[in-house]
Structure formats: C-alpha cells, structure tokens
N, C-alpha and C. Protein backbone atom coordinates (compact mmCIF):
# COMPACT_ATOMS: atom_id res chain seq x y z
N UNK A 1 -48.14 -42.65 64.20
CA UNK A 1 -48.37 -41.83 65.36
C UNK A 1 -49.35 -40.70 64.97
N UNK A 2 -50.29 -40.41 65.84
CA UNK A 2 -51.30 -39.40 65.54
C UNK A 2 -50.73 -37.99 65.73
N UNK A 3 -51.33 -37.04 65.02
CA UNK A 3 -50.86 -35.66 65.02
C UNK A 3 -50.82 -35.08 66.43
N UNK A 4 -51.87 -35.32 67.21
CA UNK A 4 -51.94 -34.77 68.57
C UNK A 4 -50.78 -35.23 69.43
N UNK A 5 -50.39 -36.48 69.27
CA UNK A 5 -49.28 -37.02 70.04
C UNK A 5 -47.96 -36.36 69.62
N UNK A 6 -47.76 -36.16 68.34
CA UNK A 6 -46.54 -35.50 67.84
C UNK A 6 -46.52 -34.05 68.31
N UNK A 7 -47.69 -33.41 68.29
CA UNK A 7 -47.76 -32.02 68.76
C UNK A 7 -47.39 -31.91 70.24
N UNK A 8 -47.83 -32.87 71.05
CA UNK A 8 -47.47 -32.86 72.48
C UNK A 8 -45.97 -33.07 72.65
N UNK A 9 -45.38 -33.94 71.83
CA UNK A 9 -43.93 -34.13 71.88
C UNK A 9 -43.21 -32.84 71.50
N UNK A 10 -43.75 -32.15 70.50
CA UNK A 10 -43.16 -30.89 70.05
C UNK A 10 -43.18 -29.86 71.19
N UNK A 11 -44.32 -29.74 71.88
CA UNK A 11 -44.44 -28.79 73.00
C UNK A 11 -43.43 -29.13 74.08
N UNK A 12 -43.30 -30.41 74.43
CA UNK A 12 -42.32 -30.82 75.45
C UNK A 12 -40.90 -30.50 75.00
N UNK A 13 -40.62 -30.77 73.74
CA UNK A 13 -39.28 -30.49 73.19
C UNK A 13 -38.99 -28.99 73.23
N UNK A 14 -39.97 -28.20 72.82
CA UNK A 14 -39.81 -26.75 72.81
C UNK A 14 -39.54 -26.23 74.21
N UNK A 15 -40.31 -26.70 75.17
CA UNK A 15 -40.11 -26.28 76.56
C UNK A 15 -38.71 -26.66 77.04
N UNK A 16 -38.25 -27.85 76.67
CA UNK A 16 -36.94 -28.32 77.14
C UNK A 16 -35.79 -27.48 76.57
N UNK A 17 -36.03 -26.78 75.47
CA UNK A 17 -34.99 -25.93 74.90
C UNK A 17 -34.80 -24.65 75.72
N UNK A 18 -35.81 -24.24 76.44
CA UNK A 18 -35.76 -22.99 77.16
C UNK A 18 -35.47 -23.15 78.64
N UNK A 19 -35.94 -24.25 79.22
CA UNK A 19 -35.70 -24.47 80.65
C UNK A 19 -35.28 -25.92 80.81
N UNK A 20 -34.08 -26.11 81.31
CA UNK A 20 -33.62 -27.47 81.59
C UNK A 20 -33.79 -27.70 83.08
N UNK A 21 -34.50 -28.75 83.43
CA UNK A 21 -34.75 -29.02 84.84
C UNK A 21 -33.98 -30.27 85.24
N UNK A 22 -33.23 -30.14 86.32
CA UNK A 22 -32.49 -31.27 86.84
C UNK A 22 -33.27 -31.84 88.02
N UNK A 23 -33.62 -33.10 87.93
CA UNK A 23 -34.34 -33.74 89.04
C UNK A 23 -33.42 -34.71 89.77
N UNK A 24 -32.13 -34.56 89.58
CA UNK A 24 -31.18 -35.44 90.26
C UNK A 24 -31.06 -35.07 91.74
N UNK A 25 -31.38 -33.84 92.07
CA UNK A 25 -31.29 -33.38 93.44
C UNK A 25 -32.66 -33.49 94.10
N UNK A 26 -32.71 -33.55 95.42
CA UNK A 26 -34.01 -33.64 96.08
C UNK A 26 -34.92 -32.47 95.75
N UNK A 27 -34.35 -31.29 95.55
CA UNK A 27 -35.15 -30.14 95.13
C UNK A 27 -34.91 -29.92 93.65
N UNK A 28 -35.92 -29.46 92.96
CA UNK A 28 -35.78 -29.21 91.52
C UNK A 28 -34.96 -27.95 91.33
N UNK A 29 -33.97 -28.04 90.49
CA UNK A 29 -33.10 -26.91 90.22
C UNK A 29 -33.25 -26.55 88.74
N UNK A 30 -33.60 -25.31 88.46
CA UNK A 30 -33.74 -24.85 87.08
C UNK A 30 -32.39 -24.35 86.60
N UNK A 31 -31.96 -24.83 85.47
CA UNK A 31 -30.70 -24.44 84.89
C UNK A 31 -30.95 -23.53 83.70
N UNK A 32 -29.91 -22.91 83.23
CA UNK A 32 -30.01 -22.04 82.05
C UNK A 32 -30.45 -22.86 80.85
N UNK A 33 -31.40 -22.35 80.10
CA UNK A 33 -31.91 -23.05 78.93
C UNK A 33 -30.94 -22.99 77.77
N UNK A 34 -31.19 -23.82 76.77
CA UNK A 34 -30.34 -23.86 75.58
C UNK A 34 -30.59 -22.65 74.69
N UNK A 35 -31.86 -22.19 74.66
CA UNK A 35 -32.24 -21.07 73.80
C UNK A 35 -32.80 -19.93 74.62
N UNK A 36 -32.80 -18.74 74.01
CA UNK A 36 -33.42 -17.58 74.65
C UNK A 36 -34.50 -17.00 73.74
N UNK A 37 -35.01 -15.84 74.11
CA UNK A 37 -36.13 -15.22 73.40
C UNK A 37 -35.83 -14.93 71.93
N UNK A 38 -34.55 -14.82 71.57
CA UNK A 38 -34.19 -14.56 70.18
C UNK A 38 -34.73 -15.66 69.25
N UNK A 39 -34.71 -16.90 69.71
CA UNK A 39 -35.23 -18.00 68.89
C UNK A 39 -36.73 -17.84 68.66
N UNK A 40 -37.46 -17.41 69.69
CA UNK A 40 -38.90 -17.19 69.54
C UNK A 40 -39.17 -16.07 68.54
N UNK A 41 -38.34 -15.03 68.57
CA UNK A 41 -38.49 -13.95 67.60
C UNK A 41 -38.22 -14.46 66.18
N UNK A 42 -37.24 -15.32 66.05
CA UNK A 42 -36.92 -15.92 64.76
C UNK A 42 -38.13 -16.71 64.24
N UNK A 43 -38.75 -17.49 65.12
CA UNK A 43 -39.93 -18.28 64.72
C UNK A 43 -41.08 -17.37 64.29
N UNK A 44 -41.19 -16.20 64.92
CA UNK A 44 -42.27 -15.28 64.55
C UNK A 44 -42.08 -14.69 63.16
N UNK A 45 -40.86 -14.70 62.65
CA UNK A 45 -40.59 -14.18 61.31
C UNK A 45 -41.01 -15.16 60.22
N UNK A 46 -41.25 -16.39 60.60
CA UNK A 46 -41.67 -17.42 59.64
C UNK A 46 -43.17 -17.29 59.40
N UNK A 47 -43.55 -17.34 58.14
CA UNK A 47 -44.98 -17.28 57.80
C UNK A 47 -45.25 -18.14 56.56
N UNK A 48 -46.47 -18.03 56.04
CA UNK A 48 -46.87 -18.85 54.89
C UNK A 48 -46.02 -18.57 53.65
N UNK A 49 -45.54 -17.33 53.52
CA UNK A 49 -44.74 -16.99 52.34
C UNK A 49 -43.33 -17.58 52.42
N UNK A 50 -42.86 -17.87 53.63
CA UNK A 50 -41.53 -18.46 53.80
C UNK A 50 -41.59 -19.50 54.93
N UNK A 51 -42.25 -20.64 54.66
CA UNK A 51 -42.45 -21.64 55.72
C UNK A 51 -41.17 -22.36 56.16
N UNK A 52 -40.11 -22.24 55.40
CA UNK A 52 -38.86 -22.91 55.73
C UNK A 52 -37.83 -21.95 56.35
N UNK A 53 -38.27 -20.75 56.73
CA UNK A 53 -37.35 -19.72 57.21
C UNK A 53 -36.48 -20.21 58.37
N UNK A 54 -37.09 -20.74 59.41
CA UNK A 54 -36.33 -21.17 60.59
C UNK A 54 -35.40 -22.32 60.24
N UNK A 55 -35.87 -23.27 59.46
CA UNK A 55 -35.01 -24.39 59.04
C UNK A 55 -33.78 -23.87 58.30
N UNK A 56 -33.99 -22.90 57.40
CA UNK A 56 -32.87 -22.35 56.64
C UNK A 56 -31.88 -21.61 57.54
N UNK A 57 -32.39 -20.80 58.45
CA UNK A 57 -31.51 -20.04 59.35
C UNK A 57 -30.74 -21.00 60.27
N UNK A 58 -31.43 -21.98 60.82
CA UNK A 58 -30.78 -22.95 61.71
C UNK A 58 -29.75 -23.78 60.93
N UNK A 59 -30.06 -24.15 59.71
CA UNK A 59 -29.10 -24.91 58.88
C UNK A 59 -27.84 -24.09 58.62
N UNK A 60 -28.01 -22.81 58.33
CA UNK A 60 -26.85 -21.93 58.15
C UNK A 60 -26.04 -21.82 59.43
N UNK A 61 -26.72 -21.74 60.56
CA UNK A 61 -26.03 -21.71 61.86
C UNK A 61 -25.20 -22.98 62.04
N UNK A 62 -25.78 -24.14 61.72
CA UNK A 62 -25.04 -25.40 61.84
C UNK A 62 -23.79 -25.39 60.95
N UNK A 63 -23.96 -24.99 59.70
CA UNK A 63 -22.82 -24.96 58.76
C UNK A 63 -21.73 -24.02 59.24
N UNK A 64 -22.11 -22.80 59.60
CA UNK A 64 -21.13 -21.81 60.07
C UNK A 64 -20.43 -22.29 61.33
N UNK A 65 -21.21 -22.81 62.26
CA UNK A 65 -20.64 -23.25 63.54
C UNK A 65 -19.64 -24.38 63.35
N UNK A 66 -19.98 -25.33 62.50
CA UNK A 66 -19.06 -26.46 62.31
C UNK A 66 -17.78 -26.02 61.62
N UNK A 67 -17.90 -25.07 60.69
CA UNK A 67 -16.70 -24.52 60.06
C UNK A 67 -15.85 -23.77 61.09
N UNK A 68 -16.49 -22.95 61.91
CA UNK A 68 -15.77 -22.18 62.92
C UNK A 68 -15.14 -23.08 63.98
N UNK A 69 -15.84 -24.12 64.38
CA UNK A 69 -15.26 -25.06 65.35
C UNK A 69 -14.04 -25.76 64.77
N UNK A 70 -14.10 -26.11 63.49
CA UNK A 70 -12.93 -26.73 62.84
C UNK A 70 -11.78 -25.72 62.76
N UNK A 71 -12.10 -24.46 62.41
CA UNK A 71 -11.07 -23.42 62.35
C UNK A 71 -10.44 -23.18 63.73
N UNK A 72 -11.27 -23.19 64.76
CA UNK A 72 -10.75 -23.01 66.13
C UNK A 72 -9.86 -24.17 66.55
N UNK A 73 -10.28 -25.36 66.23
CA UNK A 73 -9.48 -26.55 66.57
C UNK A 73 -8.13 -26.46 65.88
N UNK A 74 -8.14 -26.10 64.62
CA UNK A 74 -6.90 -25.96 63.85
C UNK A 74 -6.02 -24.84 64.41
N UNK A 75 -6.62 -23.70 64.70
CA UNK A 75 -5.86 -22.56 65.21
C UNK A 75 -5.21 -22.85 66.56
N UNK A 76 -5.90 -23.58 67.42
CA UNK A 76 -5.35 -23.90 68.74
C UNK A 76 -4.39 -25.08 68.70
N UNK A 77 -4.30 -25.73 67.54
CA UNK A 77 -3.40 -26.87 67.37
C UNK A 77 -2.02 -26.44 66.85
N UNK A 78 -1.87 -25.15 66.57
CA UNK A 78 -0.60 -24.63 66.04
C UNK A 78 0.43 -24.47 67.16
N UNK A 79 1.72 -24.55 66.80
CA UNK A 79 2.78 -24.32 67.79
C UNK A 79 2.76 -22.88 68.27
N UNK A 80 2.65 -21.96 67.32
CA UNK A 80 2.55 -20.54 67.66
C UNK A 80 1.10 -20.12 67.43
N UNK A 81 0.33 -20.01 68.50
CA UNK A 81 -1.09 -19.71 68.40
C UNK A 81 -1.30 -18.22 68.15
N UNK A 82 -2.08 -17.92 67.14
CA UNK A 82 -2.46 -16.54 66.83
C UNK A 82 -3.77 -16.26 67.58
N UNK A 83 -3.65 -15.67 68.78
CA UNK A 83 -4.82 -15.46 69.62
C UNK A 83 -5.80 -14.46 69.03
N UNK A 84 -5.31 -13.56 68.19
CA UNK A 84 -6.24 -12.63 67.53
C UNK A 84 -7.14 -13.39 66.55
N UNK A 85 -6.55 -14.35 65.86
CA UNK A 85 -7.32 -15.18 64.92
C UNK A 85 -8.33 -16.05 65.69
N UNK A 86 -7.87 -16.65 66.79
CA UNK A 86 -8.75 -17.48 67.62
C UNK A 86 -9.91 -16.62 68.12
N UNK A 87 -9.58 -15.44 68.63
CA UNK A 87 -10.62 -14.55 69.15
C UNK A 87 -11.61 -14.15 68.06
N UNK A 88 -11.11 -13.91 66.86
CA UNK A 88 -12.00 -13.53 65.74
C UNK A 88 -12.98 -14.66 65.43
N UNK A 89 -12.50 -15.91 65.45
CA UNK A 89 -13.38 -17.07 65.21
C UNK A 89 -14.42 -17.19 66.32
N UNK A 90 -13.98 -17.03 67.57
CA UNK A 90 -14.90 -17.14 68.71
C UNK A 90 -15.94 -16.02 68.64
N UNK A 91 -15.50 -14.83 68.25
CA UNK A 91 -16.41 -13.69 68.12
C UNK A 91 -17.49 -13.98 67.07
N UNK A 92 -17.09 -14.57 65.95
CA UNK A 92 -18.06 -14.93 64.90
C UNK A 92 -19.05 -15.97 65.43
N UNK A 93 -18.54 -16.96 66.13
CA UNK A 93 -19.41 -18.01 66.67
C UNK A 93 -20.37 -17.42 67.70
N UNK A 94 -19.87 -16.51 68.51
CA UNK A 94 -20.73 -15.84 69.50
C UNK A 94 -21.85 -15.08 68.79
N UNK A 95 -21.52 -14.38 67.72
CA UNK A 95 -22.53 -13.64 66.96
C UNK A 95 -23.57 -14.55 66.33
N UNK A 96 -23.11 -15.64 65.73
CA UNK A 96 -24.04 -16.60 65.12
C UNK A 96 -24.96 -17.21 66.17
N UNK A 97 -24.39 -17.54 67.30
CA UNK A 97 -25.17 -18.14 68.39
C UNK A 97 -26.21 -17.16 68.91
N UNK A 98 -25.81 -15.91 69.06
CA UNK A 98 -26.73 -14.88 69.53
C UNK A 98 -27.88 -14.69 68.55
N UNK A 99 -27.58 -14.75 67.26
CA UNK A 99 -28.60 -14.47 66.25
C UNK A 99 -29.72 -15.51 66.22
N UNK A 100 -29.44 -16.74 66.64
CA UNK A 100 -30.54 -17.72 66.70
C UNK A 100 -31.00 -17.99 68.14
N UNK A 101 -30.34 -17.35 69.11
CA UNK A 101 -30.74 -17.52 70.50
C UNK A 101 -30.11 -18.68 71.22
N UNK A 102 -29.00 -19.21 70.70
CA UNK A 102 -28.30 -20.33 71.35
C UNK A 102 -27.47 -19.78 72.52
N UNK A 103 -28.17 -19.51 73.63
CA UNK A 103 -27.53 -18.76 74.70
C UNK A 103 -26.41 -19.50 75.42
N UNK A 104 -26.48 -20.81 75.55
CA UNK A 104 -25.40 -21.51 76.24
C UNK A 104 -24.13 -21.53 75.39
N UNK A 105 -24.28 -21.61 74.08
CA UNK A 105 -23.11 -21.52 73.19
C UNK A 105 -22.54 -20.11 73.29
N UNK A 106 -23.41 -19.11 73.21
CA UNK A 106 -22.99 -17.71 73.30
C UNK A 106 -22.23 -17.46 74.60
N UNK A 107 -22.78 -17.93 75.73
CA UNK A 107 -22.13 -17.70 77.02
C UNK A 107 -20.79 -18.41 77.12
N UNK A 108 -20.67 -19.59 76.55
CA UNK A 108 -19.39 -20.29 76.53
C UNK A 108 -18.37 -19.51 75.70
N UNK A 109 -18.84 -18.88 74.63
CA UNK A 109 -17.95 -18.05 73.79
C UNK A 109 -17.47 -16.82 74.54
N UNK A 110 -18.31 -16.24 75.36
CA UNK A 110 -17.92 -15.06 76.15
C UNK A 110 -16.75 -15.42 77.06
N UNK A 111 -16.85 -16.56 77.75
CA UNK A 111 -15.75 -17.01 78.62
C UNK A 111 -14.50 -17.30 77.79
N UNK A 112 -14.69 -17.92 76.64
CA UNK A 112 -13.59 -18.27 75.74
C UNK A 112 -12.81 -17.00 75.34
N UNK A 113 -13.53 -15.95 75.00
CA UNK A 113 -12.89 -14.71 74.54
C UNK A 113 -12.03 -14.10 75.64
N UNK A 114 -12.45 -14.21 76.88
CA UNK A 114 -11.64 -13.64 77.97
C UNK A 114 -10.31 -14.38 78.09
N UNK A 115 -10.31 -15.68 77.83
CA UNK A 115 -9.06 -16.45 77.89
C UNK A 115 -8.18 -16.18 76.66
N UNK A 116 -8.80 -15.81 75.54
CA UNK A 116 -8.02 -15.39 74.37
C UNK A 116 -7.24 -14.11 74.70
N UNK A 117 -7.91 -13.18 75.38
CA UNK A 117 -7.25 -11.94 75.77
C UNK A 117 -6.06 -12.21 76.67
N UNK A 118 -6.19 -13.18 77.57
CA UNK A 118 -5.11 -13.55 78.48
C UNK A 118 -4.05 -14.42 77.80
N UNK A 119 -4.36 -14.91 76.60
CA UNK A 119 -3.50 -15.83 75.85
C UNK A 119 -3.19 -17.09 76.68
N UNK A 120 -4.24 -17.60 77.33
CA UNK A 120 -4.15 -18.77 78.19
C UNK A 120 -4.53 -20.00 77.35
N UNK A 121 -3.52 -20.73 76.88
CA UNK A 121 -3.73 -21.86 75.97
C UNK A 121 -4.58 -22.95 76.61
N UNK A 122 -4.23 -23.36 77.84
CA UNK A 122 -4.97 -24.45 78.49
C UNK A 122 -6.44 -24.08 78.68
N UNK A 123 -6.69 -22.86 79.13
CA UNK A 123 -8.08 -22.43 79.34
C UNK A 123 -8.82 -22.34 78.00
N UNK A 124 -8.14 -21.90 76.96
CA UNK A 124 -8.77 -21.83 75.63
C UNK A 124 -9.13 -23.23 75.14
N UNK A 125 -8.26 -24.19 75.37
CA UNK A 125 -8.55 -25.56 74.95
C UNK A 125 -9.74 -26.12 75.72
N UNK A 126 -9.82 -25.82 77.02
CA UNK A 126 -10.98 -26.26 77.82
C UNK A 126 -12.26 -25.59 77.31
N UNK A 127 -12.15 -24.29 77.03
CA UNK A 127 -13.33 -23.56 76.52
C UNK A 127 -13.77 -24.11 75.17
N UNK A 128 -12.82 -24.47 74.32
CA UNK A 128 -13.18 -25.04 73.03
C UNK A 128 -14.01 -26.31 73.23
N UNK A 129 -13.60 -27.15 74.16
CA UNK A 129 -14.36 -28.38 74.43
C UNK A 129 -15.76 -28.05 74.97
N UNK A 130 -15.84 -27.02 75.83
CA UNK A 130 -17.13 -26.61 76.37
C UNK A 130 -18.04 -26.07 75.27
N UNK A 131 -17.48 -25.23 74.39
CA UNK A 131 -18.26 -24.67 73.28
C UNK A 131 -18.75 -25.80 72.37
N UNK A 132 -17.87 -26.75 72.07
CA UNK A 132 -18.27 -27.88 71.22
C UNK A 132 -19.41 -28.66 71.87
N UNK A 133 -19.28 -28.92 73.17
CA UNK A 133 -20.31 -29.68 73.88
C UNK A 133 -21.64 -28.94 73.83
N UNK A 134 -21.62 -27.65 74.13
CA UNK A 134 -22.86 -26.86 74.12
C UNK A 134 -23.46 -26.81 72.71
N UNK A 135 -22.59 -26.66 71.71
CA UNK A 135 -23.07 -26.61 70.32
C UNK A 135 -23.74 -27.93 69.94
N UNK A 136 -23.10 -29.06 70.22
CA UNK A 136 -23.68 -30.34 69.81
C UNK A 136 -24.96 -30.66 70.59
N UNK A 137 -25.06 -30.21 71.84
CA UNK A 137 -26.31 -30.39 72.59
C UNK A 137 -27.45 -29.61 71.95
N UNK A 138 -27.21 -28.32 71.66
CA UNK A 138 -28.27 -27.50 71.07
C UNK A 138 -28.60 -27.98 69.66
N UNK A 139 -27.59 -28.45 68.93
CA UNK A 139 -27.83 -28.95 67.58
C UNK A 139 -28.76 -30.17 67.63
N UNK A 140 -28.49 -31.09 68.53
CA UNK A 140 -29.31 -32.29 68.66
C UNK A 140 -30.75 -31.92 69.02
N UNK A 141 -30.90 -31.00 69.96
CA UNK A 141 -32.24 -30.60 70.38
C UNK A 141 -32.99 -29.88 69.25
N UNK A 142 -32.30 -29.00 68.53
CA UNK A 142 -32.94 -28.29 67.42
C UNK A 142 -33.31 -29.25 66.29
N UNK A 143 -32.44 -30.22 66.00
CA UNK A 143 -32.77 -31.21 64.97
C UNK A 143 -34.01 -32.01 65.36
N UNK A 144 -34.12 -32.35 66.64
CA UNK A 144 -35.31 -33.07 67.12
C UNK A 144 -36.56 -32.21 66.95
N UNK A 145 -36.47 -30.94 67.36
CA UNK A 145 -37.61 -30.03 67.24
C UNK A 145 -38.05 -29.87 65.79
N UNK A 146 -37.08 -29.63 64.91
CA UNK A 146 -37.41 -29.42 63.49
C UNK A 146 -37.94 -30.71 62.85
N UNK A 147 -37.43 -31.85 63.29
CA UNK A 147 -37.93 -33.14 62.80
C UNK A 147 -39.38 -33.36 63.22
N UNK A 148 -39.71 -32.99 64.46
CA UNK A 148 -41.10 -33.11 64.92
C UNK A 148 -42.01 -32.19 64.12
N UNK A 149 -41.52 -30.98 63.81
CA UNK A 149 -42.31 -30.06 62.99
C UNK A 149 -42.60 -30.66 61.62
N UNK A 150 -41.60 -31.30 61.02
CA UNK A 150 -41.81 -31.95 59.72
C UNK A 150 -42.86 -33.05 59.82
N UNK A 151 -42.79 -33.84 60.91
CA UNK A 151 -43.76 -34.91 61.10
C UNK A 151 -45.18 -34.36 61.26
N UNK A 152 -45.30 -33.28 62.02
CA UNK A 152 -46.62 -32.67 62.25
C UNK A 152 -47.22 -32.20 60.93
N UNK A 153 -46.44 -31.44 60.17
CA UNK A 153 -46.91 -30.91 58.89
C UNK A 153 -47.19 -32.05 57.91
N UNK A 154 -46.31 -33.05 57.90
CA UNK A 154 -46.48 -34.20 57.01
C UNK A 154 -47.74 -35.00 57.32
N UNK A 155 -48.16 -34.97 58.59
CA UNK A 155 -49.37 -35.69 59.00
C UNK A 155 -50.62 -34.82 58.86
N UNK A 156 -50.44 -33.62 58.29
CA UNK A 156 -51.59 -32.75 58.06
C UNK A 156 -51.94 -31.83 59.22
N UNK A 157 -51.08 -31.78 60.23
CA UNK A 157 -51.36 -30.92 61.39
C UNK A 157 -50.66 -29.58 61.27
N UNK A 158 -50.84 -28.77 62.30
CA UNK A 158 -50.16 -27.47 62.34
C UNK A 158 -49.31 -27.39 63.60
N UNK A 159 -48.28 -26.57 63.51
CA UNK A 159 -47.37 -26.41 64.64
C UNK A 159 -48.13 -25.66 65.74
N UNK A 160 -48.12 -26.20 66.97
CA UNK A 160 -48.84 -25.55 68.05
C UNK A 160 -48.30 -24.14 68.33
N UNK A 161 -49.21 -23.27 68.74
CA UNK A 161 -48.80 -21.95 69.20
C UNK A 161 -48.58 -22.06 70.69
N UNK A 162 -47.49 -21.48 71.15
CA UNK A 162 -47.26 -21.53 72.59
C UNK A 162 -46.54 -20.29 73.04
N UNK A 163 -46.85 -19.89 74.23
CA UNK A 163 -46.21 -18.75 74.85
C UNK A 163 -45.30 -19.29 75.94
N UNK A 164 -44.05 -18.89 75.90
CA UNK A 164 -43.12 -19.24 76.97
C UNK A 164 -42.79 -17.95 77.71
N UNK A 165 -42.91 -17.98 79.00
CA UNK A 165 -42.53 -16.79 79.76
C UNK A 165 -41.05 -16.90 80.11
N UNK A 166 -40.27 -16.06 79.46
CA UNK A 166 -38.83 -16.10 79.66
C UNK A 166 -38.38 -14.94 80.51
C-alpha cells in the first residue's frame, strides 16, 4: 500500500476518534467523540527527541485501565461490596482517561461514581459494563491509529498534520 493511501486512512481514523457520525437515521446525528482535545495536546508533546511518547502514554493507559477494570470486577463480585474501594478505582480510571482525552470512558466513570455514592449495586454493575465497552472501543480505535502511524513511518512517510475544530 502506498504512503499517501495510508496517510488518508490515518486522517479518516483520526477524525473518527473525535466525531462519531451515525447515518442510520434519515438525518445525520453527531455523537460524542471517543477523544477530546487532551489527546491532541498529548500528540503535540511528541517530537523528534521522543518519537514514541504517545505510544508509551497510551500503552500505560491500556495497562492501568485493564488492571483497574479487573480490580473493579473483583470488587463488585464480593458479597460485601466496599463502595469506597470501588469509587477509588473508578476515580483512578477517570483520571487516567482524562489524561489521554478518552472522554467517553471518563464520562462513563462520572456516572459510575454517582452510583457508588448511592451504593447502588445493580447500577454499578451496569456502569462497569458501560465503562468496559467504552474502554474497549477507544482501545481498538487507538490501536488502529497507532498501527497506521507505524505503517506510514515504516513506508518512509510522515504523519499528516491536521487541525480538528473541537
């Protein structure tokens, strides 16, 4: 595949991370994107001296998130649920999500925390499933984006510069 074609795929992938468009309805409806401006700021911190910066930060986010999701699953599986512990895990996940701009994960965590305060087990379990779903969606999209970047660089090209109006 030629570099130009991979670069166009990268641009499409990048746009899809910020604005998800549903064409299932007769009118186009814009939904909340997977990422926010924080991710763009993160990308701006990457330069020639640290070309793997975003990959490293995103990889740490994946590791932390999967550990926290396992901890949350375990904590909510107990007979006597420690809601302070659950809330602490959700708070950490919310912070990690915010730091890379994973806004849908962050927003799901905000709802989750309110149910921790209420000590509502059923709602917490539903929120856990929602957080997992949002996390795995953003993970898949970020892996695709980073994979395209590797292909572009490997083919001798450069990552396109693009401005997204958020």
